[in-house]
Amino acid sequence: MKDGQVKSSGAYNFRTGEWNDSLTGEFLWSNVNVSEAVPDVMTPSTWSLWRIHHYDANPIKMPGKIPFCGNICGRPYLNLSLLASLFRALGRDIHKEMQGGMVGSAPDELNIPLIPYSPITVIWAVLPGMLIAQSHARQSQKAVSQITTTMPQWREETLKVIQAEHDKSNLLTLWHESILPKIFEMCRMVRGATMAFADPATSLRLELIKGVGEADANTIMSNFSEASANLESLGPIVGLSRVANGKMSREDFLKRYGHRSPHEMELFIAGNEEDKCWLDRQLTAFARSPTDVEGLLAGQRAEFENAWEQYQAKRPREAEKIRKKLNAVALAARNREAIRSELTRLARLVRQYLLRVGEVTGLGDGVFFLSLHEMTNVLAGDEAAKAYIPARRVTYLKYSALPPYPSIIIGKFDPFQWAADSNRRSDYFDSRKPAIKTTNVIKGFAGAAGIVEGIVRRIDCVEDGDLIQSGEILVTVTTNVGWTPLFPHLAAIVTDVGAPLSHAAIVARELGIPAVVGCGNATMLLKTGDHVRVDGAKGIVSLN
C-alpha cells in the first residue's frame, strides 16, 4: 500500500470513517508513547499521515496482519501485545519494562495478552527490518545539522509553489515528486533518531536508579540542554522570553518556532503560524507574569552539577563511563527533538498543501476527511471518495465529543458505552473482567524531583491555560511542546499520560519544576481548587 492507503476491514468502515482496531483481537493497547504527539482525535488525513510513518516508511515489518499502530475511534494506540509477544518468542520477558515507559502507571494485576509466535517467525519477519532501522538511526544522527539547516528553506520555497499553483495536475506532481518523498525521508529520520535516543536513555536511567536511586537519577539526567543548545521543546518558552527582553526579534521567533503548537500534528487544526495575534497574546501573558526562564535553566544546571559531584564522590570508578553515556544521551535527545521539530514543520506544510487542494477542487476543508491516497485520487480525476466526506465529518465530531480514552485498553472497546458508564475509569479498561476499583492513591512516575504543596488547576486543553494562576499545580491528561509556555508559571505538573522520558518529565526537569507523570487517574480524582502535595522524587500526589 502507498500514501497511507488502507483497505476496508472489520475494524474500518471507509464510508463513515469509523475505525476501531480494538476489534481486531484481544490485545493490550497503550497510548503512552503516542498521545503526546497526537493528543487530538484524528481526521482521516492525519491518520493516513500517521500510517505512512508507522507502516509505509517503516522498514520493520511485523508478522501476520496484526496492526502495530492502531486507530481506536480516532485516537492512536500502540499494540503492546504484539511487541511483548515478539520479545517473548525470543526468550525475553519485557513485562517490567512495559509497566514503565511503555504502559505507564498500570495496575499490578495487569495481564498482557500474548500472540504465539515462534522464534523463526520473528527472526525471519522482523530482523531484516531491524538491521535497516538501526542503519537509519546511525544515519539520522549524522544528518541532523543538514536537515535542520535545509528544511526551513525547502519549506518556504515549496510553500510559495503551493500558494501559486492552480492546476490539479501540477499539484499532484508536486505531491508525488517533492512532498511525499520528503515525508518518507523525515519519517525515517524521526524513527532513527528515536531509536538512537530511547534505548540508550532507558538503559542509562535504569543503571543510575540502581546506583543512586530514582530521584538522583532523574536529576543527573536533567541536563540534556546546554547553554548554547537547548532542547527544541524548550525553544518556544526560551524564545518567548528573549523576545520579551528584546534579545530576539518577533520575525526570528516565528520563523524558528511558529510551526509549534498544541495540535501541531493534526492537519485539520490551524496552527499558531496562522493566527496573527498569537504571539501578541503570548507576550501579553508573559508580561503579566514575567519569569526568568534562563535563570530557571541555569538553576537546574547547578542542581545537576551538584548531583553529579555527589555521584563522582560515591562512584569514582564508574564516573568517566557514565559521563560519556550522559553526553551521548543528551546529544541524542537534542537530535531527536530537532528532527521532530522539522517533521512538524513538514506536517504544517502538508496542511497548507491540503488547504490549497481544497480550494482548487472545491472540497474546502472537506479535504481533511479524505485519506492522502484518496486526496491524490481526486486530483487525478477519481472523485468517488468525495461522497464519504459528510458521514466522516459526523464521525469525527462524535469522537471529538467524547472524553480522552483510557491510556490502557485491553480487548474490544466501545468508547460510547464506556463514556456513558458513570463508574468508568479514565486510566484502564479491560474487557475481560469487571472494572477494577479505583483508589484515592495517585501514583505515577517520578518525572522531576521536588516537593511542592499547592492548589490544583485542572484543565483539559491548553487553550484554557489563561485560567492558570502563577504558582498553581497543573493537572491534565498529557502535554506537548505547545504547553511549554505555561510551565515556568507552575509550581508542579501532574499528568495522566506520560513516562520518565515524556515531554512533561523532560521539560520539567530542565526547568527544575516538580512533576509526576503517567498517573493514569489524576484527572479523575483531582479537581480545580484541591490542595495537594506533589512529591516529584517518589512520583506521588497526596490530597491534603
Protein backbone atom coordinates (compact mmCIF):
# COMPACT_ATOMS: atom_id res chain seq x y z
CA MET A 1 0.00 0.00 0.00
CA LYS A 2 1.16 3.55 -0.69
CA ASP A 3 0.37 7.02 0.57
CA GLY A 4 -1.28 5.69 3.71
CA GLN A 5 -3.73 3.74 1.58
CA VAL A 6 -5.93 1.31 3.53
CA LYS A 7 -8.44 -1.34 2.61
CA SER A 8 -11.79 -1.79 4.30
CA SER A 9 -11.78 -4.27 7.19
CA GLY A 10 -13.84 -5.33 10.17
CA ALA A 11 -12.20 -2.52 12.12
CA TYR A 12 -12.72 0.16 9.48
CA ASN A 13 -15.76 1.46 7.64
CA PHE A 14 -14.41 3.58 4.80
CA ARG A 15 -17.80 5.11 4.10
CA THR A 16 -18.28 6.57 7.60
CA GLY A 17 -14.64 6.81 8.69
CA GLU A 18 -15.37 4.72 11.80
CA TRP A 19 -12.21 2.91 12.83
CA ASN A 20 -11.71 0.67 15.86
CA ASP A 21 -8.66 -1.56 15.86
CA SER A 22 -9.56 -2.90 19.30
CA LEU A 23 -12.00 -5.13 17.37
CA THR A 24 -9.15 -6.93 15.58
CA GLY A 25 -8.35 -9.20 18.54
CA GLU A 26 -7.61 -9.40 22.24
CA PHE A 27 -4.58 -7.16 22.56
CA LEU A 28 -3.15 -4.66 25.01
CA TRP A 29 -3.21 -1.15 23.56
CA SER A 30 -1.38 1.82 25.08
CA ASN A 31 -1.28 5.49 24.05
CA VAL A 32 1.57 6.42 26.42
CA ASN A 33 4.10 6.85 23.62
CA VAL A 34 1.79 8.40 21.03
CA SER A 35 -0.83 10.64 22.66
CA GLU A 36 1.77 13.30 23.38
CA ALA A 37 2.50 13.62 19.66
CA VAL A 38 -1.16 13.31 18.61
CA PRO A 39 -3.38 14.32 21.55
CA ASP A 40 -6.45 15.02 19.40
CA VAL A 41 -8.98 12.88 17.61
CA MET A 42 -7.53 12.37 14.14
CA THR A 43 -9.16 13.23 10.86
CA PRO A 44 -8.65 10.67 8.05
CA SER A 45 -5.89 12.82 6.51
CA THR A 46 -3.92 12.86 9.76
CA TRP A 47 -4.39 9.15 10.35
CA SER A 48 -3.12 8.33 6.86
CA LEU A 49 -0.04 10.50 7.51
CA TRP A 50 0.47 8.59 10.76
CA ARG A 51 0.18 5.31 8.82
CA ILE A 52 2.92 6.40 6.42
CA HIS A 53 5.15 6.90 9.45
CA HIS A 54 4.36 3.55 11.08
CA TYR A 55 3.91 1.36 8.01
CA ASP A 56 4.96 2.64 4.60
CA ALA A 57 8.17 4.37 5.76
CA ASN A 58 8.95 1.75 8.40
CA PRO A 59 11.44 -0.95 7.36
CA ILE A 60 10.37 -3.17 10.26
CA LYS A 61 7.57 -5.46 9.13
CA MET A 62 5.56 -7.30 11.78
CA PRO A 63 4.49 -10.93 11.23
CA GLY A 64 0.90 -11.52 10.16
CA LYS A 65 -1.70 -8.83 9.64
CA ILE A 66 -1.95 -7.70 13.27
CA PRO A 67 -1.76 -3.87 13.49
CA PHE A 68 1.13 -2.41 15.49
CA CYS A 69 -0.10 1.18 15.47
CA GLY A 70 -3.87 1.18 15.73
CA ASN A 71 -6.68 3.66 15.43
CA ILE A 72 -9.18 3.27 18.26
CA CYS A 73 -12.10 5.52 17.41
CA GLY A 74 -9.97 8.37 16.16
CA ARG A 75 -7.08 8.12 18.63
CA PRO A 76 -3.69 6.44 18.06
CA TYR A 77 -2.63 3.46 20.18
CA LEU A 78 0.32 1.06 20.04
CA ASN A 79 -0.30 -2.68 20.20
CA LEU A 80 2.00 -3.74 23.02
CA SER A 81 0.75 -7.33 22.95
CA LEU A 82 2.49 -7.56 19.57
CA LEU A 83 5.72 -6.12 20.95
CA ALA A 84 5.68 -8.28 24.08
CA SER A 85 4.96 -11.40 22.02
CA LEU A 86 7.89 -10.75 19.69
CA PHE A 87 10.27 -10.49 22.63
CA ARG A 88 8.70 -13.48 24.39
CA ALA A 89 9.31 -15.61 21.28
CA LEU A 90 12.99 -14.71 21.56
CA GLY A 91 13.09 -15.66 25.24
CA ARG A 92 12.91 -12.19 26.73
CA ASP A 93 10.21 -11.04 29.13
CA ILE A 94 9.75 -7.26 28.95
CA HIS A 95 6.74 -7.16 31.28
CA LYS A 96 8.56 -5.00 33.85
CA GLU A 97 9.80 -2.60 31.20
CA MET A 98 6.29 -2.30 29.79
CA GLN A 99 4.98 -1.42 33.24
CA GLY A 100 7.20 1.61 32.96
CA GLY A 101 7.77 3.77 29.91
CA MET A 102 5.52 1.83 27.51
CA VAL A 103 2.34 1.29 29.53
CA GLY A 104 2.52 3.91 32.25
CA SER A 105 1.26 3.50 35.77
CA ALA A 106 -0.57 0.22 35.17
CA PRO A 107 -2.38 -1.91 37.74
CA ASP A 108 -0.21 -4.57 39.39
CA GLU A 109 -2.57 -7.27 38.14
CA LEU A 110 -2.11 -6.27 34.51
CA ASN A 111 -2.12 -9.42 32.37
CA ILE A 112 -0.81 -8.88 28.84
CA PRO A 113 -2.50 -10.99 26.15
CA LEU A 114 0.21 -12.69 24.07
CA ILE A 115 0.40 -13.95 20.49
CA PRO A 116 2.00 -17.41 20.00
CA TYR A 117 4.90 -16.55 17.69
CA SER A 118 7.77 -18.95 17.04
CA PRO A 119 11.38 -17.70 17.20
CA ILE A 120 11.87 -18.50 13.49
CA THR A 121 8.82 -16.44 12.52
CA VAL A 122 10.07 -13.44 14.47
CA ILE A 123 13.64 -13.64 13.20
CA TRP A 124 12.56 -14.13 9.59
CA ALA A 125 9.96 -11.34 9.65
CA VAL A 126 11.48 -8.70 11.92
CA LEU A 127 15.29 -8.99 11.92
CA PRO A 128 15.95 -7.67 8.38
CA GLY A 129 13.91 -4.54 9.04
CA MET A 130 15.58 -4.04 12.43
CA LEU A 131 19.00 -4.00 10.79
CA ILE A 132 17.81 -1.41 8.27
CA ALA A 133 16.24 0.68 11.05
CA GLN A 134 19.49 0.62 13.02
CA SER A 135 21.30 1.85 9.93
CA HIS A 136 18.75 4.66 9.65
CA ALA A 137 19.42 5.51 13.31
CA ARG A 138 23.13 5.94 12.66
CA GLN A 139 22.47 7.99 9.54
CA SER A 140 19.96 10.24 11.28
CA GLN A 141 22.49 11.24 13.93
CA LYS A 142 24.91 12.35 11.23
CA ALA A 143 22.30 14.26 9.20
CA VAL A 144 20.74 16.39 11.95
CA SER A 145 22.71 19.54 11.18
CA GLN A 146 21.99 19.26 7.47
CA ILE A 147 18.24 18.71 7.84
CA THR A 148 17.77 21.50 10.40
CA THR A 149 19.61 23.85 8.05
CA THR A 150 17.89 22.89 4.80
CA MET A 151 14.31 22.07 5.90
CA PRO A 152 13.17 25.65 6.74
CA GLN A 153 14.33 26.93 3.35
CA TRP A 154 12.83 23.94 1.50
CA ARG A 155 9.55 24.51 3.31
CA GLU A 156 9.41 28.22 2.39
CA GLU A 157 10.24 27.55 -1.26
CA THR A 158 7.68 24.73 -1.50
CA LEU A 159 5.03 26.83 0.22
CA LYS A 160 5.44 29.54 -2.42
CA VAL A 161 4.92 26.94 -5.15
CA ILE A 162 1.79 25.64 -3.42
CA GLN A 163 0.27 29.08 -3.00
CA ALA A 164 0.88 29.98 -6.62
CA GLU A 165 -0.48 26.73 -8.10
CA HIS A 166 -4.00 26.46 -9.53
CA ASP A 167 -3.68 23.32 -11.65
CA LYS A 168 -4.72 19.91 -10.25
CA SER A 169 -2.21 18.02 -12.35
CA ASN A 170 0.67 20.20 -11.20
CA LEU A 171 -0.40 19.84 -7.56
CA LEU A 172 -0.45 16.07 -7.99
CA THR A 173 3.05 16.11 -9.49
CA LEU A 174 4.28 18.29 -6.64
CA TRP A 175 2.92 15.78 -4.14
CA HIS A 176 4.48 12.68 -5.70
CA GLU A 177 7.81 14.20 -6.73
CA SER A 178 8.53 16.52 -3.81
CA ILE A 179 6.28 16.42 -0.75
CA LEU A 180 5.70 12.66 -0.39
CA PRO A 181 9.41 11.77 -0.75
CA LYS A 182 10.19 14.38 1.90
CA ILE A 183 7.58 12.80 4.22
CA PHE A 184 9.26 9.40 3.80
CA GLU A 185 12.69 10.92 4.44
CA MET A 186 11.62 12.71 7.60
CA CYS A 187 9.66 9.75 8.98
CA ARG A 188 12.73 7.56 8.63
CA MET A 189 14.88 10.20 10.29
CA VAL A 190 12.48 10.60 13.21
CA ARG A 191 12.35 6.84 13.74
CA GLY A 192 16.12 6.62 13.54
CA ALA A 193 16.62 9.49 15.96
CA THR A 194 14.11 7.97 18.38
CA MET A 195 15.91 4.61 18.31
CA ALA A 196 19.26 6.34 18.86
CA PHE A 197 17.88 8.04 21.96
CA ALA A 198 15.23 5.80 23.56
CA ASP A 199 17.10 2.57 24.25
CA PRO A 200 20.36 4.16 25.49
CA ALA A 201 18.44 6.68 27.62
CA THR A 202 16.25 3.98 29.18
CA SER A 203 19.26 1.75 29.89
CA LEU A 204 21.24 4.63 31.41
CA ARG A 205 18.33 5.71 33.57
CA LEU A 206 17.87 2.19 34.94
CA GLU A 207 21.61 1.95 35.59
CA LEU A 208 21.59 5.23 37.50
CA ILE A 209 18.49 4.26 39.50
CA LYS A 210 20.21 1.05 40.55
CA GLY A 211 23.23 3.04 41.70
CA VAL A 212 21.82 6.19 43.30
CA GLY A 213 18.01 5.92 43.36
CA GLU A 214 15.30 7.37 41.15
CA ALA A 215 15.38 10.96 42.42
CA ASP A 216 19.13 11.43 41.91
CA ALA A 217 18.96 9.54 38.62
CA ASN A 218 16.36 11.98 37.32
CA THR A 219 18.45 14.96 38.42
CA ILE A 220 21.55 13.60 36.74
CA MET A 221 19.53 13.08 33.56
CA SER A 222 18.13 16.61 33.68
CA ASN A 223 20.91 18.38 31.81
CA PHE A 224 20.00 17.49 28.22
CA SER A 225 20.07 21.17 27.31
CA GLU A 226 23.28 23.16 27.05
CA ALA A 227 23.87 26.88 27.41
CA SER A 228 24.35 27.07 23.63
CA ALA A 229 21.95 24.30 22.57
CA ASN A 230 18.60 23.96 24.30
CA LEU A 231 16.16 21.17 23.62
CA GLU A 232 13.72 22.17 20.88
CA SER A 233 10.81 21.56 23.26
CA LEU A 234 12.18 24.39 25.39
CA GLY A 235 12.57 26.64 22.37
CA PRO A 236 9.14 28.30 22.45
CA ILE A 237 9.41 29.46 26.06
CA VAL A 238 13.11 30.40 25.85
CA GLY A 239 12.42 32.26 22.61
CA LEU A 240 9.37 33.99 24.06
CA SER A 241 11.46 35.18 27.00
CA ARG A 242 14.09 36.53 24.63
CA VAL A 243 11.53 38.37 22.52
CA ALA A 244 10.04 39.89 25.67
CA ASN A 245 13.51 41.01 26.78
CA GLY A 246 14.49 42.40 23.38
CA LYS A 247 17.08 39.69 22.68
CA MET A 248 15.22 38.16 19.75
CA SER A 249 13.06 39.67 17.03
CA ARG A 250 9.45 38.66 16.52
CA GLU A 251 10.27 37.63 12.96
CA ASP A 252 13.10 35.33 14.04
CA PHE A 253 10.89 33.78 16.72
CA LEU A 254 8.09 33.00 14.28
CA LYS A 255 10.49 31.58 11.69
CA ARG A 256 12.02 29.24 14.24
CA TYR A 257 9.05 28.32 16.44
CA GLY A 258 5.89 29.43 14.65
CA HIS A 259 5.19 25.88 13.47
CA ARG A 260 4.98 24.52 17.04
CA SER A 261 1.57 24.33 18.73
CA PRO A 262 -0.51 22.01 20.96
CA HIS A 263 -2.27 20.49 17.94
CA GLU A 264 0.64 20.65 15.52
CA MET A 265 0.28 17.10 14.11
CA GLU A 266 -3.48 17.29 13.47
CA LEU A 267 -3.72 18.56 9.89
CA PHE A 268 -7.30 19.79 10.28
CA ILE A 269 -6.47 22.22 13.10
CA ALA A 270 -4.87 25.58 12.34
CA GLY A 271 -1.53 26.21 13.99
CA ASN A 272 -0.04 29.23 15.69
CA GLU A 273 1.55 30.39 12.44
CA GLU A 274 -1.95 31.01 11.03
CA ASP A 275 -3.01 33.18 13.99
CA LYS A 276 -1.57 36.67 13.54
CA CYS A 277 -2.46 37.60 17.14
CA TRP A 278 -0.98 34.51 18.80
CA LEU A 279 2.43 35.96 19.59
CA ASP A 280 0.88 39.18 20.93
CA ARG A 281 -1.27 37.17 23.34
CA GLN A 282 1.74 35.16 24.48
CA LEU A 283 3.80 38.29 25.11
CA THR A 284 0.92 39.91 26.99
CA ALA A 285 0.56 36.86 29.21
CA PHE A 286 4.32 36.77 29.76
CA ALA A 287 4.31 40.44 30.77
CA ARG A 288 1.57 39.80 33.35
CA SER A 289 3.66 37.11 34.97
CA PRO A 290 7.28 37.58 33.90
CA THR A 291 9.58 34.63 34.54
CA ASP A 292 13.35 34.36 34.40
CA VAL A 293 13.39 31.32 32.13
CA GLU A 294 17.12 31.36 31.56
CA GLY A 295 17.55 31.68 35.31
CA LEU A 296 15.45 28.55 35.84
CA LEU A 297 17.58 26.65 33.34
CA ALA A 298 20.78 27.87 34.97
CA GLY A 299 19.47 26.86 38.38
CA GLN A 300 18.70 23.37 37.19
CA ARG A 301 22.15 23.07 35.64
CA ALA A 302 23.57 23.91 39.05
CA GLU A 303 21.40 21.17 40.59
CA PHE A 304 22.73 18.75 38.00
CA GLU A 305 26.34 19.69 38.72
CA ASN A 306 25.76 19.21 42.45
CA ALA A 307 24.16 15.79 41.88
CA TRP A 308 26.95 14.82 39.52
CA GLU A 309 29.66 15.80 42.00
CA GLN A 310 27.99 13.59 44.61
CA TYR A 311 27.85 10.73 42.11
CA GLN A 312 31.55 11.12 41.32
CA ALA A 313 32.39 11.05 45.03
CA LYS A 314 30.32 7.90 45.64
CA ARG A 315 31.30 6.04 42.45
CA PRO A 316 34.61 7.37 41.17
CA ARG A 317 35.40 4.24 39.16
CA GLU A 318 32.18 4.45 37.18
CA ALA A 319 32.04 8.22 36.75
CA GLU A 320 34.00 8.52 33.49
CA LYS A 321 31.98 5.77 31.78
CA ILE A 322 28.67 7.22 32.97
CA ARG A 323 29.65 10.75 31.92
CA LYS A 324 30.34 9.54 28.38
CA LYS A 325 26.95 7.86 28.30
CA LEU A 326 25.30 11.02 29.64
CA ASN A 327 26.89 13.17 26.96
CA ALA A 328 25.83 10.72 24.25
CA VAL A 329 22.25 10.52 25.53
CA ALA A 330 22.00 14.32 25.86
CA LEU A 331 23.19 14.76 22.27
CA ALA A 332 20.75 12.09 21.08
CA ALA A 333 17.92 13.84 22.95
CA ARG A 334 18.71 17.17 21.30
CA ASN A 335 18.97 15.49 17.90
CA ARG A 336 15.66 13.67 18.35
CA GLU A 337 13.85 16.87 19.27
CA ALA A 338 15.47 18.82 16.45
CA ILE A 339 14.33 16.26 13.87
CA ARG A 340 10.85 16.05 15.43
CA SER A 341 10.61 19.81 15.11
CA GLU A 342 11.43 19.64 11.40
CA LEU A 343 8.91 16.83 10.88
CA THR A 344 6.35 19.13 12.50
CA ARG A 345 7.37 21.91 10.13
CA LEU A 346 6.71 19.47 7.29
CA ALA A 347 3.31 18.46 8.70
CA ARG A 348 2.30 22.12 8.82
CA LEU A 349 3.30 22.37 5.14
CA VAL A 350 1.12 19.35 4.35
CA ARG A 351 -1.78 21.23 5.93
CA GLN A 352 -1.15 24.20 3.65
CA TYR A 353 -0.97 21.85 0.67
CA LEU A 354 -4.31 20.27 1.60
CA LEU A 355 -5.90 23.69 2.03
CA ARG A 356 -4.77 24.54 -1.49
CA VAL A 357 -6.14 21.25 -2.82
CA GLY A 358 -9.41 22.05 -1.08
CA GLU A 359 -9.57 25.39 -2.88
CA VAL A 360 -8.66 24.02 -6.31
CA THR A 361 -11.04 21.03 -6.12
CA GLY A 362 -13.90 22.83 -4.37
CA LEU A 363 -13.70 20.43 -1.41
CA GLY A 364 -12.83 23.17 1.08
CA ASP A 365 -11.94 21.74 4.49
CA GLY A 366 -13.67 18.52 3.44
CA VAL A 367 -10.28 17.52 2.04
CA PHE A 368 -9.15 16.69 5.59
CA PHE A 369 -11.78 13.93 5.73
CA LEU A 370 -10.10 12.08 2.89
CA SER A 371 -7.02 9.90 3.26
CA LEU A 372 -3.96 11.24 1.49
CA HIS A 373 -4.35 8.48 -1.09
CA GLU A 374 -7.97 9.48 -1.72
CA MET A 375 -6.88 13.10 -1.97
CA THR A 376 -4.45 12.25 -4.75
CA ASN A 377 -7.18 10.24 -6.49
CA VAL A 378 -9.39 13.33 -6.52
CA LEU A 379 -6.58 15.36 -8.08
CA ALA A 380 -6.19 12.62 -10.69
CA GLY A 381 -9.91 12.75 -11.56
CA ASP A 382 -11.37 9.96 -9.41
CA GLU A 383 -13.83 11.77 -7.13
CA ALA A 384 -15.66 8.72 -5.71
CA ALA A 385 -14.37 9.33 -2.16
CA LYS A 386 -15.97 12.81 -2.06
CA ALA A 387 -19.31 11.15 -1.24
CA TYR A 388 -17.94 9.90 2.08
CA ILE A 389 -16.92 13.30 3.44
CA PRO A 390 -20.20 14.26 5.20
CA ALA A 391 -20.50 10.96 7.09
CA ARG A 392 -16.83 11.02 8.07
CA ARG A 393 -17.18 14.56 9.38
CA VAL A 394 -20.10 13.41 11.57
CA THR A 395 -17.99 10.52 12.90
CA TYR A 396 -15.11 12.89 13.67
CA LEU A 397 -17.40 15.22 15.62
CA LYS A 398 -18.88 12.29 17.57
CA TYR A 399 -15.42 11.03 18.54
CA SER A 400 -14.27 14.55 19.42
CA ALA A 401 -17.20 14.99 21.82
CA LEU A 402 -16.00 12.05 23.94
CA PRO A 403 -13.54 12.40 26.83
CA PRO A 404 -9.98 11.09 26.24
CA TYR A 405 -10.00 7.29 26.35
CA PRO A 406 -8.07 5.22 28.92
CA SER A 407 -4.32 5.07 28.39
CA ILE A 408 -4.53 1.27 28.64
CA ILE A 409 -7.14 -0.70 26.69
CA ILE A 410 -7.36 -4.49 26.58
CA GLY A 411 -9.83 -6.24 24.28
CA LYS A 412 -12.84 -4.79 22.49
CA PHE A 413 -13.55 -1.20 23.47
CA ASP A 414 -16.71 0.80 22.75
CA PRO A 415 -15.95 4.45 23.64
CA PHE A 416 -19.60 5.48 23.65
CA GLN A 417 -20.59 2.71 26.05
CA TRP A 418 -17.54 3.47 28.19
CA ALA A 419 -18.31 7.21 28.31
CA ALA A 420 -21.91 6.53 29.37
CA ASP A 421 -20.75 4.47 32.38
CA SER A 422 -20.74 6.67 35.50
CA ASN A 423 -18.29 4.25 37.15
CA ARG A 424 -15.81 4.28 34.27
CA ARG A 425 -12.08 4.58 34.81
CA SER A 426 -10.08 7.04 32.78
CA ASP A 427 -6.81 5.13 33.10
CA TYR A 428 -7.58 1.46 32.44
CA PHE A 429 -10.08 -0.68 30.54
CA ASP A 430 -10.07 -4.48 30.31
CA SER A 431 -12.97 -6.16 28.50
CA ARG A 432 -12.10 -9.50 30.12
CA LYS A 433 -13.07 -8.51 33.64
CA PRO A 434 -15.23 -6.03 35.59
CA ALA A 435 -13.78 -2.57 36.15
CA ILE A 436 -11.00 -2.54 38.71
CA LYS A 437 -11.93 -0.34 41.64
CA THR A 438 -10.15 2.95 41.70
CA THR A 439 -8.36 4.27 44.78
CA ASN A 440 -7.54 7.68 46.16
CA VAL A 441 -3.83 6.97 45.84
CA ILE A 442 -2.36 8.92 42.95
CA LYS A 443 0.94 7.41 41.91
CA GLY A 444 2.89 7.80 38.72
CA PHE A 445 6.47 8.18 37.59
CA ALA A 446 9.00 10.39 39.28
CA GLY A 447 9.15 12.89 36.44
CA ALA A 448 11.14 15.67 38.12
CA ALA A 449 12.28 15.83 41.74
CA GLY A 450 10.99 18.30 44.31
CA ILE A 451 8.20 18.55 46.87
CA VAL A 452 5.50 21.19 46.50
CA GLU A 453 2.18 21.86 48.19
CA GLY A 454 -0.37 23.98 46.43
CA ILE A 455 -3.68 24.44 44.66
CA VAL A 456 -4.72 22.32 41.69
CA ARG A 457 -5.65 23.82 38.34
CA ARG A 458 -7.28 21.01 36.38
CA ILE A 459 -7.62 21.79 32.66
CA ASP A 460 -8.26 19.61 29.62
CA CYS A 461 -6.76 21.75 26.88
CA VAL A 462 -4.00 24.30 26.57
CA GLU A 463 -6.50 26.88 25.32
CA ASP A 464 -7.68 27.12 28.95
CA GLY A 465 -4.14 27.94 30.07
CA ASP A 466 -5.08 31.57 30.75
CA LEU A 467 -7.07 30.29 33.74
CA ILE A 468 -3.88 29.20 35.47
CA GLN A 469 -2.69 31.42 38.29
CA SER A 470 1.03 31.67 38.91
CA GLY A 471 2.14 29.05 41.42
CA GLU A 472 -0.70 26.60 40.81
CA ILE A 473 -0.25 22.89 40.14
CA LEU A 474 -1.26 21.84 36.65
CA VAL A 475 -3.26 18.61 36.41
CA THR A 476 -4.07 17.44 32.88
CA VAL A 477 -4.14 14.39 30.64
CA THR A 478 -0.91 14.99 28.74
CA THR A 479 1.29 17.82 27.49
CA ASN A 480 3.43 18.50 24.45
CA VAL A 481 5.58 21.33 23.11
CA GLY A 482 2.54 23.59 22.74
CA TRP A 483 2.12 23.58 26.52
CA THR A 484 5.70 24.68 27.21
CA PRO A 485 4.95 28.43 27.61
CA LEU A 486 2.79 27.56 30.64
CA PHE A 487 5.48 25.63 32.50
CA PRO A 488 7.54 28.42 34.09
CA HIS A 489 4.44 29.75 35.88
CA LEU A 490 3.64 26.41 37.52
CA ALA A 491 4.55 25.10 40.95
CA ALA A 492 4.31 21.49 39.73
CA ILE A 493 2.94 19.33 36.92
CA VAL A 494 0.80 16.17 37.16
CA THR A 495 -0.30 14.21 34.08
CA ASP A 496 -2.38 11.11 33.42
CA VAL A 497 -0.30 10.01 30.45
CA GLY A 498 3.47 10.09 30.28
CA ALA A 499 6.71 8.34 31.12
CA PRO A 500 10.12 9.33 32.52
CA LEU A 501 11.24 10.37 29.04
CA SER A 502 8.00 12.10 28.04
CA HIS A 503 7.70 15.81 27.23
CA ALA A 504 6.33 16.85 30.63
CA ALA A 505 9.04 14.97 32.51
CA ILE A 506 11.99 16.14 30.41
CA VAL A 507 10.97 19.80 30.24
CA ALA A 508 10.04 19.89 33.93
CA ARG A 509 13.46 18.51 34.83
CA GLU A 510 15.22 21.06 32.62
CA LEU A 511 13.30 23.90 34.32
CA GLY A 512 13.51 22.43 37.84
CA ILE A 513 9.72 22.08 38.26
CA PRO A 514 8.48 19.05 40.27
CA ALA A 515 6.48 16.65 38.11
CA VAL A 516 4.64 13.36 38.47
CA VAL A 517 3.69 11.85 35.12
CA GLY A 518 1.78 8.80 33.92
CA CYS A 519 -0.58 8.74 36.91
CA GLY A 520 -3.46 7.40 34.84
CA ASN A 521 -6.20 8.66 37.14
CA ALA A 522 -5.10 12.14 38.29
CA THR A 523 -7.71 14.00 36.24
CA MET A 524 -10.35 11.60 37.55
CA LEU A 525 -9.52 12.15 41.22
CA LEU A 526 -8.47 15.81 41.32
CA LYS A 527 -10.37 19.00 40.57
CA THR A 528 -9.53 22.69 40.46
CA GLY A 529 -9.18 24.09 43.97
CA ASP A 530 -7.96 20.88 45.62
CA HIS A 531 -4.97 21.28 47.89
CA VAL A 532 -2.33 18.66 47.15
CA ARG A 533 1.23 17.67 47.93
CA VAL A 534 3.33 16.67 44.93
CA ASP A 535 6.44 14.58 45.55
CA GLY A 536 8.26 14.50 42.25
CA ALA A 537 11.04 12.26 43.56
CA LYS A 538 8.68 9.49 44.69
CA GLY A 539 6.05 10.01 41.98
CA ILE A 540 3.22 10.51 44.48
CA VAL A 541 0.43 13.10 44.68
CA SER A 542 -1.44 13.35 48.01
CA LEU A 543 -4.68 15.16 48.75
CA ASN A 544 -4.39 17.36 51.85
